[in-house]
Amino acid sequence: MPIIPLELLAAGERARIVEIDGDSAFVNRLNEMGLSEDAEIKMIQSGTPCIIALNNHRLSFRGEEAGMIFVETD
Protein backbone atom coordinates (compact mmCIF):
# COMPACT_ATOMS: atom_id res chain seq x y z
CA MET A 1 0.00 0.00 0.00
CA PRO A 2 1.43 3.37 -0.98
CA ILE A 3 2.37 5.96 1.63
CA ILE A 4 1.53 9.51 0.54
CA PRO A 5 1.14 12.97 2.10
CA LEU A 6 -2.37 13.67 3.35
CA GLU A 7 -2.70 16.51 0.84
CA LEU A 8 -2.71 14.00 -2.05
CA LEU A 9 -5.83 12.13 -0.89
CA ALA A 10 -8.93 12.70 -3.00
CA ALA A 11 -12.30 13.54 -1.47
CA GLY A 12 -13.97 10.36 -0.23
CA GLU A 13 -10.73 8.37 0.12
CA ARG A 14 -9.98 6.58 3.37
CA ALA A 15 -6.50 6.12 4.80
CA ARG A 16 -4.51 5.29 7.93
CA ILE A 17 -2.01 7.70 9.50
CA VAL A 18 1.51 6.25 9.40
CA GLU A 19 3.66 9.26 10.36
CA ILE A 20 3.39 12.90 11.40
CA ASP A 21 6.44 15.10 10.80
CA GLY A 22 7.05 18.57 12.16
CA ASP A 23 8.06 20.13 15.41
CA SER A 24 7.04 18.48 18.66
CA ALA A 25 4.38 21.12 19.43
CA PHE A 26 2.60 20.38 16.12
CA VAL A 27 2.80 16.61 16.58
CA ASN A 28 1.63 16.84 20.21
CA ARG A 29 -1.29 19.11 19.27
CA LEU A 30 -2.47 16.60 16.66
CA ASN A 31 -2.04 13.70 19.08
CA GLU A 32 -4.19 15.51 21.64
CA MET A 33 -6.93 15.81 19.00
CA GLY A 34 -6.74 12.06 18.36
CA LEU A 35 -4.73 12.24 15.14
CA SER A 36 -1.88 9.82 15.72
CA GLU A 37 -0.29 6.82 14.06
CA ASP A 38 -2.81 4.12 13.06
CA ALA A 39 -5.76 6.54 13.21
CA GLU A 40 -8.27 5.91 10.41
CA ILE A 41 -9.34 9.03 8.53
CA LYS A 42 -11.50 9.98 5.55
CA MET A 43 -10.85 12.94 3.28
CA ILE A 44 -13.96 15.12 3.17
CA GLN A 45 -12.57 18.02 1.12
CA SER A 46 -9.21 18.02 -0.62
CA GLY A 47 -7.30 21.18 -1.45
CA THR A 48 -6.63 24.14 0.81
CA PRO A 49 -7.97 23.88 3.33
CA CYS A 50 -8.37 20.15 3.35
CA ILE A 51 -10.94 18.71 5.73
CA ILE A 52 -10.75 15.20 7.14
CA ALA A 53 -13.10 13.11 9.24
CA LEU A 54 -11.63 11.47 12.34
CA ASN A 55 -14.24 9.50 14.26
CA ASN A 56 -17.09 12.01 14.75
CA HIS A 57 -14.86 15.06 14.34
CA ARG A 58 -13.79 17.21 11.40
CA LEU A 59 -10.27 18.62 11.24
CA SER A 60 -9.02 21.24 8.80
CA PHE A 61 -5.44 21.69 7.58
CA ARG A 62 -4.00 24.55 5.57
CA GLY A 63 -0.83 24.91 3.56
CA GLU A 64 2.13 22.76 4.44
CA GLU A 65 0.45 21.12 7.48
CA ALA A 66 -1.23 18.53 5.25
CA GLY A 67 2.15 17.75 3.66
CA MET A 68 3.62 16.76 7.03
CA ILE A 69 1.03 14.05 7.69
CA PHE A 70 1.68 10.78 5.87
CA VAL A 71 -1.02 8.20 5.25
CA GLU A 72 -1.35 4.70 3.86
CA THR A 73 -4.24 4.20 1.47
CA ASP A 74 -6.43 1.11 1.23
C-alpha atoms as a PDB file:
ATOM      1  CA  MET A   1       0.000   0.000   0.000  1.00  0.00           C
ATOM      2  CA  PRO A   2       1.426   3.375  -0.981  1.00  0.00           C
ATOM      3  CA  ILE A   3       2.366   5.962   1.633  1.00  0.00           C
ATOM      4  CA  ILE A   4       1.528   9.508   0.539  1.00  0.00           C
ATOM      5  CA  PRO A   5       1.141  12.966   2.104  1.00  0.00           C
ATOM      6  CA  LEU A   6      -2.370  13.668   3.350  1.00  0.00           C
ATOM      7  CA  GLU A   7      -2.701  16.514   0.841  1.00  0.00           C
ATOM      8  CA  LEU A   8      -2.711  14.001  -2.050  1.00  0.00           C
ATOM      9  CA  LEU A   9      -5.830  12.129  -0.895  1.00  0.00           C
ATOM     10  CA  ALA A  10      -8.930  12.702  -3.002  1.00  0.00           C
ATOM     11  CA  ALA A  11     -12.296  13.543  -1.473  1.00  0.00           C
ATOM     12  CA  GLY A  12     -13.974  10.358  -0.231  1.00  0.00           C
ATOM     13  CA  GLU A  13     -10.733   8.365   0.118  1.00  0.00           C
ATOM     14  CA  ARG A  14      -9.975   6.576   3.371  1.00  0.00           C
ATOM     15  CA  ALA A  15      -6.502   6.122   4.798  1.00  0.00           C
ATOM     16  CA  ARG A  16      -4.511   5.293   7.933  1.00  0.00           C
ATOM     17  CA  ILE A  17      -2.014   7.704   9.504  1.00  0.00           C
ATOM     18  CA  VAL A  18       1.512   6.252   9.404  1.00  0.00           C
ATOM     19  CA  GLU A  19       3.658   9.265  10.355  1.00  0.00           C
ATOM     20  CA  ILE A  20       3.393  12.898  11.397  1.00  0.00           C
ATOM     21  CA  ASP A  21       6.436  15.100  10.796  1.00  0.00           C
ATOM     22  CA  GLY A  22       7.047  18.565  12.162  1.00  0.00           C
ATOM     23  CA  ASP A  23       8.056  20.129  15.411  1.00  0.00           C
ATOM     24  CA  SER A  24       7.039  18.480  18.655  1.00  0.00           C
ATOM     25  CA  ALA A  25       4.380  21.116  19.429  1.00  0.00           C
ATOM     26  CA  PHE A  26       2.601  20.385  16.118  1.00  0.00           C
ATOM     27  CA  VAL A  27       2.801  16.611  16.584  1.00  0.00           C
ATOM     28  CA  ASN A  28       1.626  16.842  20.209  1.00  0.00           C
ATOM     29  CA  ARG A  29      -1.292  19.106  19.267  1.00  0.00           C
ATOM     30  CA  LEU A  30      -2.470  16.596  16.663  1.00  0.00           C
ATOM     31  CA  ASN A  31      -2.036  13.698  19.081  1.00  0.00           C
ATOM     32  CA  GLU A  32      -4.191  15.514  21.643  1.00  0.00           C
ATOM     33  CA  MET A  33      -6.925  15.814  19.000  1.00  0.00           C
ATOM     34  CA  GLY A  34      -6.737  12.059  18.358  1.00  0.00           C
ATOM     35  CA  LEU A  35      -4.733  12.241  15.142  1.00  0.00           C
ATOM     36  CA  SER A  36      -1.880   9.817  15.725  1.00  0.00           C
ATOM     37  CA  GLU A  37      -0.292   6.817  14.062  1.00  0.00           C
ATOM     38  CA  ASP A  38      -2.807   4.122  13.056  1.00  0.00           C
ATOM     39  CA  ALA A  39      -5.763   6.538  13.210  1.00  0.00           C
ATOM     40  CA  GLU A  40      -8.269   5.906  10.414  1.00  0.00           C
ATOM     41  CA  ILE A  41      -9.342   9.026   8.532  1.00  0.00           C
ATOM     42  CA  LYS A  42     -11.504   9.978   5.551  1.00  0.00           C
ATOM     43  CA  MET A  43     -10.851  12.944   3.278  1.00  0.00           C
ATOM     44  CA  ILE A  44     -13.957  15.124   3.174  1.00  0.00           C
ATOM     45  CA  GLN A  45     -12.571  18.017   1.115  1.00  0.00           C
ATOM     46  CA  SER A  46      -9.213  18.018  -0.621  1.00  0.00           C
ATOM     47  CA  GLY A  47      -7.298  21.183  -1.447  1.00  0.00           C
ATOM     48  CA  THR A  48      -6.626  24.144   0.813  1.00  0.00           C
ATOM     49  CA  PRO A  49      -7.970  23.882   3.329  1.00  0.00           C
ATOM     50  CA  CYS A  50      -8.369  20.146   3.347  1.00  0.00           C
ATOM     51  CA  ILE A  51     -10.939  18.712   5.731  1.00  0.00           C
ATOM     52  CA  ILE A  52     -10.753  15.200   7.144  1.00  0.00           C
ATOM     53  CA  ALA A  53     -13.096  13.114   9.243  1.00  0.00           C
ATOM     54  CA  LEU A  54     -11.631  11.469  12.335  1.00  0.00           C
ATOM     55  CA  ASN A  55     -14.239   9.500  14.265  1.00  0.00           C
ATOM     56  CA  ASN A  56     -17.086  12.008  14.755  1.00  0.00           C
ATOM     57  CA  HIS A  57     -14.857  15.059  14.343  1.00  0.00           C
ATOM     58  CA  ARG A  58     -13.793  17.212  11.402  1.00  0.00           C
ATOM     59  CA  LEU A  59     -10.271  18.622  11.236  1.00  0.00           C
ATOM     60  CA  SER A  60      -9.015  21.245   8.804  1.00  0.00           C
ATOM     61  CA  PHE A  61      -5.442  21.691   7.580  1.00  0.00           C
ATOM     62  CA  ARG A  62      -3.999  24.553   5.567  1.00  0.00           C
ATOM     63  CA  GLY A  63      -0.834  24.905   3.558  1.00  0.00           C
ATOM     64  CA  GLU A  64       2.127  22.763   4.442  1.00  0.00           C
ATOM     65  CA  GLU A  65       0.450  21.122   7.478  1.00  0.00           C
ATOM     66  CA  ALA A  66      -1.227  18.526   5.248  1.00  0.00           C
ATOM     67  CA  GLY A  67       2.149  17.747   3.661  1.00  0.00           C
ATOM     68  CA  MET A  68       3.620  16.760   7.028  1.00  0.00           C
ATOM     69  CA  ILE A  69       1.028  14.047   7.690  1.00  0.00           C
ATOM     70  CA  PHE A  70       1.676  10.784   5.866  1.00  0.00           C
ATOM     71  CA  VAL A  71      -1.022   8.199   5.248  1.00  0.00           C
ATOM     72  CA  GLU A  72      -1.352   4.703   3.864  1.00  0.00           C
ATOM     73  CA  THR A  73      -4.238   4.196   1.474  1.00  0.00           C
ATOM     74  CA  ASP A  74      -6.427   1.113   1.234  1.00  0.00           C
END
